[in-house]
Amino acid sequence: MLKKLRNLFYLLPLGMLVCSHTYATDLMQIYREALTEDRQYGAARATYVAAQERMPQGRAGLLPDIRLSGVGQNQYIETQGLPDRVIKNRGITATFTQPLFRFENFVIYQQSKNEVAQADAQFIIAAQDLILRVAQAYFDVLKAKIDVEVVESQKKAIHEQLEQAKRNFEVGVSTIVDTHEAEARYDLTLSQEIAARNKLEITQHALEVLINRLPYDLQDASLEKIIADPLALPHDSMEEWVKSAEESNFQLKVQRIAYDIAEQAIDLAKAGHYPMLDFVAQYSDQHGVGGGFTGRGLDIVNKSVGVQLTVPIFQGFSVQSRIREALANRDKARQEMENTQRTVALRVRQNYLNVTNGIAQIKALKRALTSSRSQLDSTALGQEVGVRMEIDVLNAQQQYFAARRDLAQAYYDYLMARLQLKAEVGDLDEDDLMEVNALL
């Protein structure tokens, strides 16, 4: 998973080259645009790159420290009765320090490894979150679009019924009540159309945040082609999904690493009690030393090699305080880890139920759509022969259009729940989005 995302990281600019707006824009095209245009994902990518530097920074404390310093100055000496003198003082010092035992530096290096691993997991979370946000925004537009289409079809049908009611009233085959009922339904549909178009525009602007342009002509699912038997799940039972999430969920991995880092912070605080041992080598070449006193500067070369031991004796109880702080932070990390574990298990169960019940709901709504279509046809025929009233036809039309809307929305919700369920077990990637795109 991480390897695929790292490859994706380096190939991002190529994604836009394959985008084309000649045909209807599909889900994968929107996703590829979001890879380069979504600023939340861009910030996560920059955070990931920055976090990779934690390792060399942590390792630096175990490597030698080499420093070079120099000095150059002129001393002007004025002595009464003697000519003024200038003593030139020049010097250079090179120091080589190699830590032999610094427990604090070792712990910092171990922490840096965990911090990089944590950043890797967080970047995967950001990548999966982008997939979910793109899919959710895409489906929101499609659901708003089907709302508009349904209410437009309903308005057209009710308008035809209204005109027919007026004609029937004029020739005396129906009462003014039928006309008033049709007018009331038509006016209500007009208000519903305004609300539906408003919702569509809002969802389009929400998707614009991800791709930096207003989306038009999105590819959606044909109601007639919605499959009655959606794709099978890789796990049979809910508890299998929960177990898989406990092992592979990346949010849980982040919290577990955070707990490990908190434990290492305790060792880091305790390191304040430990001695430090360094190997130190120094070379110093000084010219004109002490000329202000002797009148003639000396040239001194100093070479030294040895070990330096530093033993902390008393630091104002700061070490004990940092240990208590680290212990409290470890307890906090443990509480957050357990809370995340419970929350992840809850989300897995919710999405599993949404998927499995969504399958059953889609099957039921497909049957309901077929039944409502048959009911509408028979009711319209009944009105023609005089056994059904105008209100019956309007109700049948409303039920039919509601079934169309509910089926489309249930299908999009089912697809979204599948993606969310895969994300909870850490298995969501581009292939899953391509699979969903193929189902549209």
Protein backbone atom coordinates (compact mmCIF):
# COMPACT_ATOMS: atom_id res chain seq x y z
CA MET A 1 0.00 0.00 0.00
CA LEU A 2 2.70 2.48 1.00
CA LYS A 3 4.77 1.60 -2.07
CA LYS A 4 1.82 2.32 -4.34
CA LEU A 5 1.25 5.67 -2.67
CA ARG A 6 4.92 6.61 -2.89
CA ASN A 7 4.87 5.80 -6.61
CA LEU A 8 1.76 7.91 -6.89
CA PHE A 9 3.55 10.74 -5.09
CA TYR A 10 6.22 10.95 -7.78
CA LEU A 11 3.81 10.50 -10.69
CA LEU A 12 1.30 13.15 -9.65
CA PRO A 13 2.03 15.60 -12.49
CA LEU A 14 1.33 12.87 -15.06
CA GLY A 15 -2.22 12.42 -13.77
CA MET A 16 -3.46 15.59 -15.36
CA LEU A 17 -2.16 14.58 -18.80
CA VAL A 18 -4.75 11.84 -19.16
CA CYS A 19 -7.70 13.99 -18.15
CA SER A 20 -10.03 14.87 -20.98
CA HIS A 21 -13.25 16.85 -20.93
CA THR A 22 -14.41 15.78 -24.38
CA TYR A 23 -16.79 13.27 -22.83
CA ALA A 24 -18.63 13.08 -19.54
CA THR A 25 -16.21 13.43 -16.65
CA ASP A 26 -16.05 10.22 -14.66
CA LEU A 27 -15.02 9.55 -11.08
CA MET A 28 -11.40 8.68 -11.90
CA GLN A 29 -10.89 11.89 -13.87
CA ILE A 30 -12.17 13.91 -10.93
CA TYR A 31 -9.85 11.97 -8.62
CA ARG A 32 -6.80 12.60 -10.80
CA GLU A 33 -7.57 16.30 -10.84
CA ALA A 34 -7.95 16.31 -7.07
CA LEU A 35 -4.51 14.72 -6.69
CA THR A 36 -2.94 17.94 -7.92
CA GLU A 37 -5.59 20.50 -7.00
CA ASP A 38 -6.77 19.51 -3.52
CA ARG A 39 -4.90 21.68 -1.04
CA GLN A 40 -5.64 19.48 1.98
CA TYR A 41 -3.91 16.56 0.28
CA GLY A 42 -1.12 18.85 -0.88
CA ALA A 43 -0.49 19.93 2.70
CA ALA A 44 -0.42 16.28 3.81
CA ARG A 45 2.09 15.51 1.08
CA ALA A 46 4.35 18.36 2.22
CA THR A 47 4.04 17.17 5.82
CA TYR A 48 5.08 13.68 4.72
CA VAL A 49 8.15 15.01 2.92
CA ALA A 50 9.13 17.13 5.92
CA ALA A 51 8.75 14.17 8.30
CA GLN A 52 11.25 12.10 6.32
CA GLU A 53 13.96 14.43 7.65
CA ARG A 54 13.35 13.27 11.22
CA MET A 55 15.54 10.20 10.66
CA PRO A 56 18.77 11.98 9.62
CA GLN A 57 18.19 14.55 12.37
CA GLY A 58 17.83 11.82 14.99
CA ARG A 59 20.84 9.91 13.67
CA ALA A 60 23.00 13.06 13.84
CA GLY A 61 23.30 12.71 17.62
CA LEU A 62 25.19 9.43 17.18
CA LEU A 63 27.67 10.77 14.62
CA PRO A 64 30.83 12.80 15.17
CA ASP A 65 30.75 16.55 15.70
CA ILE A 66 33.62 18.35 13.95
CA ARG A 67 34.11 22.06 14.53
CA LEU A 68 36.67 24.56 13.34
CA SER A 69 37.18 27.96 14.95
CA GLY A 70 39.70 30.70 14.33
CA VAL A 71 40.76 34.03 15.76
CA GLY A 72 42.66 36.95 14.36
CA GLN A 73 43.35 40.22 16.16
CA ASN A 74 45.96 42.96 16.50
CA GLN A 75 47.05 44.27 19.90
CA TYR A 76 48.33 47.83 19.92
CA ILE A 77 50.64 48.42 22.92
CA GLU A 78 51.60 51.93 23.96
CA THR A 79 54.41 52.19 26.57
CA GLN A 80 55.71 55.54 27.79
CA GLY A 81 59.23 56.15 26.57
CA LEU A 82 59.11 53.19 24.18
CA PRO A 83 57.91 52.96 20.62
CA ASP A 84 54.40 51.63 20.02
CA ARG A 85 54.16 47.96 19.25
CA VAL A 86 51.66 45.83 17.40
CA ILE A 87 51.27 42.20 18.48
CA LYS A 88 49.45 40.06 15.94
CA ASN A 89 47.47 37.21 17.49
CA ARG A 90 46.36 34.49 15.10
CA GLY A 91 44.99 31.06 15.89
CA ILE A 92 42.96 28.12 14.66
CA THR A 93 41.35 25.31 16.66
CA ALA A 94 39.86 22.05 15.34
CA THR A 95 37.73 19.89 17.63
CA PHE A 96 36.48 16.36 16.95
CA THR A 97 33.85 14.94 19.32
CA GLN A 98 32.43 11.42 19.01
CA PRO A 99 29.68 10.47 21.49
CA LEU A 100 30.50 7.13 23.08
CA PHE A 101 27.58 6.93 25.48
CA ARG A 102 24.75 9.42 25.37
CA PHE A 103 21.55 7.58 26.17
CA GLU A 104 19.47 10.64 25.33
CA ASN A 105 20.79 10.71 21.75
CA PHE A 106 20.10 7.00 21.31
CA VAL A 107 16.48 7.43 22.43
CA ILE A 108 16.03 10.43 20.13
CA TYR A 109 17.25 8.30 17.22
CA GLN A 110 14.78 5.53 18.07
CA GLN A 111 11.99 8.09 18.34
CA SER A 112 12.87 9.47 14.91
CA LYS A 113 12.33 6.01 13.39
CA ASN A 114 8.87 5.86 14.91
CA GLU A 115 8.09 9.41 13.81
CA VAL A 116 8.93 8.53 10.20
CA ALA A 117 6.78 5.39 10.42
CA GLN A 118 3.98 7.48 11.87
CA ALA A 119 4.31 9.99 9.02
CA ASP A 120 4.09 7.14 6.50
CA ALA A 121 0.83 5.95 8.06
CA GLN A 122 -0.55 9.49 8.22
CA PHE A 123 0.20 10.03 4.54
CA ILE A 124 -1.68 6.83 3.68
CA ILE A 125 -4.60 8.11 5.76
CA ALA A 126 -4.49 11.37 3.80
CA ALA A 127 -4.45 9.47 0.50
CA GLN A 128 -7.40 7.30 1.54
CA ASP A 129 -9.20 10.36 2.86
CA LEU A 130 -8.79 12.03 -0.53
CA ILE A 131 -10.40 9.03 -2.22
CA LEU A 132 -13.31 9.16 0.22
CA ARG A 133 -13.75 12.93 -0.06
CA VAL A 134 -13.69 12.79 -3.85
CA ALA A 135 -16.18 9.92 -3.94
CA GLN A 136 -18.48 11.56 -1.39
CA ALA A 137 -18.45 14.91 -3.20
CA TYR A 138 -18.98 13.16 -6.55
CA PHE A 139 -21.91 11.12 -5.25
CA ASP A 140 -23.40 14.19 -3.56
CA VAL A 141 -23.49 15.93 -6.94
CA LEU A 142 -25.04 12.86 -8.58
CA LYS A 143 -27.67 12.56 -5.85
CA ALA A 144 -28.51 16.24 -6.19
CA LYS A 145 -28.62 15.80 -9.95
CA ILE A 146 -31.09 12.92 -9.72
CA ASP A 147 -33.21 15.05 -7.37
CA VAL A 148 -33.40 17.73 -10.06
CA GLU A 149 -34.14 15.20 -12.81
CA VAL A 150 -36.87 13.54 -10.76
CA VAL A 151 -38.55 16.79 -9.79
CA GLU A 152 -38.38 18.01 -13.41
CA SER A 153 -40.00 14.81 -14.65
CA GLN A 154 -42.57 15.06 -11.89
CA LYS A 155 -43.28 18.69 -12.77
CA LYS A 156 -43.72 17.80 -16.43
CA ALA A 157 -46.07 14.93 -15.63
CA ILE A 158 -48.11 17.02 -13.17
CA HIS A 159 -48.32 19.85 -15.70
CA GLU A 160 -49.75 17.41 -18.25
CA GLN A 161 -52.24 16.20 -15.65
CA LEU A 162 -53.13 19.80 -14.84
CA GLU A 163 -53.81 20.61 -18.49
CA GLN A 164 -55.86 17.44 -18.84
CA ALA A 165 -57.82 18.29 -15.69
CA LYS A 166 -58.61 21.73 -17.10
CA ARG A 167 -59.79 20.22 -20.38
CA ASN A 168 -61.91 17.62 -18.57
CA PHE A 169 -63.45 20.34 -16.43
CA GLU A 170 -64.25 22.41 -19.52
CA VAL A 171 -66.06 19.51 -21.17
CA GLY A 172 -67.74 18.55 -17.89
CA VAL A 173 -66.22 15.12 -17.31
CA SER A 174 -64.46 16.16 -14.07
CA THR A 175 -64.90 18.65 -11.24
CA ILE A 176 -62.90 21.75 -10.38
CA VAL A 177 -61.51 19.77 -7.43
CA ASP A 178 -59.30 17.75 -9.79
CA THR A 179 -57.93 20.97 -11.27
CA HIS A 180 -57.21 22.45 -7.84
CA GLU A 181 -55.47 19.27 -6.71
CA ALA A 182 -53.26 19.28 -9.80
CA GLU A 183 -52.48 22.98 -9.36
CA ALA A 184 -51.51 22.41 -5.71
CA ARG A 185 -49.24 19.54 -6.68
CA TYR A 186 -47.72 21.61 -9.48
CA ASP A 187 -46.97 24.58 -7.21
CA LEU A 188 -45.44 22.27 -4.61
CA THR A 189 -43.27 20.71 -7.30
CA LEU A 190 -42.05 24.17 -8.37
CA SER A 191 -40.83 24.85 -4.83
CA GLN A 192 -39.19 21.42 -4.71
CA GLU A 193 -37.44 22.17 -8.00
CA ILE A 194 -35.98 25.40 -6.59
CA ALA A 195 -34.69 23.54 -3.53
CA ALA A 196 -33.26 20.72 -5.68
CA ARG A 197 -31.42 23.12 -7.99
CA ASN A 198 -30.07 25.01 -5.00
CA LYS A 199 -28.76 21.77 -3.51
CA LEU A 200 -27.17 20.79 -6.84
CA GLU A 201 -25.30 24.08 -7.07
CA ILE A 202 -24.08 23.76 -3.48
CA THR A 203 -22.75 20.24 -4.07
CA GLN A 204 -21.04 21.37 -7.28
CA HIS A 205 -19.23 24.11 -5.37
CA ALA A 206 -18.24 21.56 -2.71
CA LEU A 207 -16.61 19.45 -5.44
CA GLU A 208 -15.00 22.60 -6.83
CA VAL A 209 -13.00 22.87 -3.59
CA LEU A 210 -11.30 19.57 -4.48
CA ILE A 211 -10.59 20.13 -8.18
CA ASN A 212 -10.45 23.94 -8.42
CA ARG A 213 -13.15 24.14 -11.10
CA LEU A 214 -16.89 23.75 -11.32
CA PRO A 215 -17.78 20.19 -12.36
CA TYR A 216 -20.17 19.76 -15.24
CA ASP A 217 -21.49 16.76 -17.13
CA LEU A 218 -20.54 14.14 -14.55
CA GLN A 219 -21.01 10.51 -15.51
CA ASP A 220 -23.72 8.89 -13.41
CA ALA A 221 -25.33 5.49 -13.10
CA SER A 222 -28.20 4.46 -15.29
CA LEU A 223 -31.09 3.31 -13.11
CA GLU A 224 -31.85 0.53 -15.55
CA LYS A 225 -28.27 -0.79 -15.29
CA ILE A 226 -27.96 -0.76 -11.51
CA ILE A 227 -26.97 -4.29 -10.57
CA ALA A 228 -29.33 -6.22 -8.34
CA ASP A 229 -26.49 -8.33 -6.91
CA PRO A 230 -23.62 -5.98 -5.97
CA LEU A 231 -20.05 -7.14 -5.53
CA ALA A 232 -19.32 -9.68 -2.83
CA LEU A 233 -17.32 -8.64 0.23
CA PRO A 234 -13.90 -10.17 0.94
CA HIS A 235 -14.96 -11.09 4.50
CA ASP A 236 -18.14 -12.95 5.38
CA SER A 237 -18.91 -11.73 8.90
CA MET A 238 -18.87 -8.41 10.70
CA GLU A 239 -16.42 -9.62 13.32
CA GLU A 240 -13.96 -10.67 10.63
CA TRP A 241 -14.00 -7.09 9.39
CA VAL A 242 -13.50 -5.78 12.92
CA LYS A 243 -10.55 -8.11 13.45
CA SER A 244 -9.02 -7.05 10.15
CA ALA A 245 -9.41 -3.39 11.11
CA GLU A 246 -7.71 -3.99 14.46
CA GLU A 247 -4.71 -5.34 12.58
CA SER A 248 -4.55 -3.01 9.57
CA ASN A 249 -6.38 0.26 10.26
CA PHE A 250 -3.91 3.09 9.71
CA GLN A 251 -5.44 5.40 12.31
CA LEU A 252 -4.87 2.65 14.85
CA LYS A 253 -1.31 2.27 13.60
CA VAL A 254 -0.73 5.99 14.12
CA GLN A 255 -2.02 5.76 17.69
CA ARG A 256 0.06 2.67 18.45
CA ILE A 257 3.17 4.42 17.20
CA ALA A 258 2.23 7.47 19.25
CA TYR A 259 2.08 5.22 22.31
CA ASP A 260 5.54 3.81 21.51
CA ILE A 261 6.88 7.35 21.15
CA ALA A 262 5.33 8.27 24.50
CA GLU A 263 7.07 5.28 26.12
CA GLN A 264 10.36 6.35 24.59
CA ALA A 265 9.79 9.83 25.98
CA ILE A 266 9.95 8.29 29.47
CA ASP A 267 13.39 6.87 28.67
CA LEU A 268 14.36 10.25 27.26
CA ALA A 269 13.40 11.95 30.51
CA LYS A 270 15.27 9.34 32.58
CA ALA A 271 18.37 9.96 30.46
CA GLY A 272 18.85 13.16 32.42
CA HIS A 273 20.22 11.01 35.26
CA TYR A 274 22.74 9.14 33.11
CA PRO A 275 26.39 10.14 32.58
CA MET A 276 27.69 11.14 29.16
CA LEU A 277 30.96 9.86 27.73
CA ASP A 278 32.58 11.43 24.65
CA PHE A 279 35.79 10.88 22.75
CA VAL A 280 37.37 14.30 22.17
CA ALA A 281 40.37 15.18 19.98
CA GLN A 282 41.56 18.75 19.60
CA TYR A 283 44.26 20.54 17.67
CA SER A 284 45.09 24.18 18.36
CA ASP A 285 47.70 26.38 16.63
CA GLN A 286 48.06 29.83 18.21
CA HIS A 287 50.46 32.62 17.17
CA GLY A 288 51.28 35.72 19.20
CA VAL A 289 49.96 34.44 22.50
CA GLY A 290 50.73 36.59 25.57
CA GLY A 291 52.42 39.34 23.66
CA GLY A 292 50.73 41.97 25.75
CA PHE A 293 52.70 40.89 28.82
CA THR A 294 56.01 39.70 27.49
CA GLY A 295 56.29 42.12 24.65
CA ARG A 296 56.86 39.22 22.32
CA GLY A 297 54.12 36.85 21.25
CA LEU A 298 54.57 33.12 21.61
CA ASP A 299 53.61 30.45 19.09
CA ILE A 300 51.85 27.55 20.75
CA VAL A 301 50.67 24.29 19.21
CA ASN A 302 48.41 22.18 21.40
CA LYS A 303 47.25 18.64 20.62
CA SER A 304 44.99 16.61 22.85
CA VAL A 305 43.20 13.27 22.63
CA GLY A 306 41.07 11.72 25.35
CA VAL A 307 37.65 10.92 26.72
CA GLN A 308 35.35 13.33 28.50
CA LEU A 309 32.95 12.12 31.19
CA THR A 310 30.06 14.28 32.35
CA VAL A 311 28.04 13.14 35.36
CA PRO A 312 24.86 15.06 36.25
CA ILE A 313 24.62 15.59 40.01
CA PHE A 314 21.71 17.94 40.62
CA GLN A 315 19.50 19.76 38.12
CA GLY A 316 16.89 21.33 40.36
CA PHE A 317 14.53 18.29 40.27
CA SER A 318 13.83 19.01 36.58
CA VAL A 319 14.54 15.40 35.57
CA GLN A 320 12.01 14.00 38.04
CA SER A 321 9.45 16.50 36.78
CA ARG A 322 10.03 15.52 33.14
CA ILE A 323 9.64 11.84 34.07
CA ARG A 324 6.28 12.50 35.73
CA GLU A 325 5.20 14.49 32.68
CA ALA A 326 6.24 11.68 30.34
CA LEU A 327 4.35 9.10 32.41
CA ALA A 328 1.19 11.20 32.20
CA ASN A 329 1.61 11.63 28.44
CA ARG A 330 2.02 7.86 28.05
CA ASP A 331 -1.26 7.33 29.88
CA LYS A 332 -2.87 9.90 27.58
CA ALA A 333 -1.52 8.06 24.53
CA ARG A 334 -2.88 4.76 25.86
CA GLN A 335 -6.33 6.27 26.43
CA GLU A 336 -6.35 7.77 22.93
CA MET A 337 -5.22 4.46 21.42
CA GLU A 338 -8.01 2.51 23.14
CA ASN A 339 -10.57 5.15 22.18
CA THR A 340 -9.44 4.97 18.55
CA GLN A 341 -9.71 1.18 18.65
CA ARG A 342 -13.30 1.35 19.88
CA THR A 343 -14.20 4.09 17.40
CA VAL A 344 -12.73 2.15 14.49
CA ALA A 345 -14.64 -0.98 15.52
CA LEU A 346 -17.85 1.07 15.64
CA ARG A 347 -17.26 2.56 12.20
CA VAL A 348 -16.50 -0.89 10.78
CA ARG A 349 -19.77 -2.25 12.12
CA GLN A 350 -21.69 0.77 10.84
CA ASN A 351 -20.23 0.55 7.34
CA TYR A 352 -20.59 -3.23 7.25
CA LEU A 353 -24.29 -2.88 8.05
CA ASN A 354 -24.61 -0.05 5.52
CA VAL A 355 -23.10 -2.30 2.84
CA THR A 356 -25.03 -5.48 3.62
CA ASN A 357 -28.32 -3.69 4.24
CA GLY A 358 -27.62 -1.48 1.23
CA ILE A 359 -27.50 -4.58 -0.96
CA ALA A 360 -30.89 -5.68 0.34
CA GLN A 361 -32.26 -2.15 -0.01
CA ILE A 362 -31.12 -1.90 -3.64
CA LYS A 363 -32.84 -5.19 -4.48
CA ALA A 364 -36.03 -4.03 -2.79
CA LEU A 365 -35.96 -0.62 -4.46
CA LYS A 366 -35.46 -2.17 -7.90
CA ARG A 367 -38.58 -4.23 -7.31
CA ALA A 368 -40.34 -1.14 -5.96
CA LEU A 369 -39.41 0.83 -9.08
CA THR A 370 -40.83 -1.88 -11.32
CA SER A 371 -43.99 -2.12 -9.21
CA SER A 372 -44.51 1.64 -9.08
CA ARG A 373 -44.10 1.83 -12.87
CA SER A 374 -46.76 -0.85 -13.30
CA GLN A 375 -48.99 0.88 -10.75
CA LEU A 376 -48.65 4.19 -12.58
CA ASP A 377 -49.57 2.61 -15.91
CA SER A 378 -52.59 0.81 -14.46
CA THR A 379 -53.75 3.90 -12.55
CA ALA A 380 -53.49 6.05 -15.67
CA LEU A 381 -55.50 3.43 -17.56
CA GLY A 382 -58.03 3.35 -14.74
CA GLN A 383 -58.47 7.11 -14.99
CA GLU A 384 -59.12 6.84 -18.71
CA VAL A 385 -61.93 4.34 -18.17
CA GLY A 386 -63.32 6.29 -15.21
CA VAL A 387 -62.48 3.97 -12.30
CA ARG A 388 -59.63 6.10 -10.93
CA MET A 389 -59.50 9.80 -10.06
CA GLU A 390 -56.96 12.47 -10.94
CA ILE A 391 -55.53 12.40 -7.41
CA ASP A 392 -54.82 8.67 -7.79
CA VAL A 393 -52.71 9.31 -10.88
CA LEU A 394 -50.81 12.13 -9.14
CA ASN A 395 -50.09 9.89 -6.16
CA ALA A 396 -48.91 7.08 -8.43
CA GLN A 397 -46.64 9.50 -10.30
CA GLN A 398 -45.17 10.79 -7.07
CA GLN A 399 -44.56 7.24 -5.82
CA TYR A 400 -42.85 6.27 -9.08
CA PHE A 401 -40.52 9.28 -9.11
CA ALA A 402 -39.73 8.80 -5.42
CA ALA A 403 -38.77 5.18 -6.16
CA ARG A 404 -36.40 6.34 -8.91
CA ARG A 405 -34.77 8.87 -6.59
CA ASP A 406 -34.52 6.43 -3.67
CA LEU A 407 -32.94 3.73 -5.84
CA ALA A 408 -30.25 6.06 -7.17
CA GLN A 409 -29.45 7.46 -3.74
CA ALA A 410 -29.35 4.00 -2.15
CA TYR A 411 -26.96 2.82 -4.86
CA TYR A 412 -24.59 5.76 -4.34
CA ASP A 413 -24.77 5.31 -0.56
CA TYR A 414 -23.94 1.62 -0.98
CA LEU A 415 -20.90 2.38 -3.13
CA MET A 416 -19.73 4.97 -0.63
CA ALA A 417 -20.16 2.55 2.27
CA ARG A 418 -18.02 -0.02 0.42
CA LEU A 419 -15.19 2.49 0.06
CA GLN A 420 -15.46 3.52 3.70
CA LEU A 421 -15.41 -0.10 4.83
CA LYS A 422 -12.26 -0.80 2.79
CA ALA A 423 -10.64 2.30 4.29
CA GLU A 424 -11.35 1.10 7.83
CA VAL A 425 -9.35 -2.07 7.22
CA GLY A 426 -6.52 -0.12 5.57
CA ASP A 427 -7.16 -1.65 2.16
CA LEU A 428 -8.55 1.30 0.19
CA ASP A 429 -6.60 2.40 -2.88
CA GLU A 430 -7.07 3.54 -6.48
CA ASP A 431 -8.11 0.07 -7.60
CA ASP A 432 -11.22 0.27 -5.43
CA LEU A 433 -12.10 3.66 -6.90
CA MET A 434 -11.62 2.29 -10.41
CA GLU A 435 -13.92 -0.60 -9.52
CA VAL A 436 -16.60 1.81 -8.33
CA ASN A 437 -16.09 3.96 -11.41
CA ALA A 438 -16.70 0.91 -13.59
CA LEU A 439 -20.03 0.33 -11.81
CA LEU A 440 -21.30 3.79 -12.74
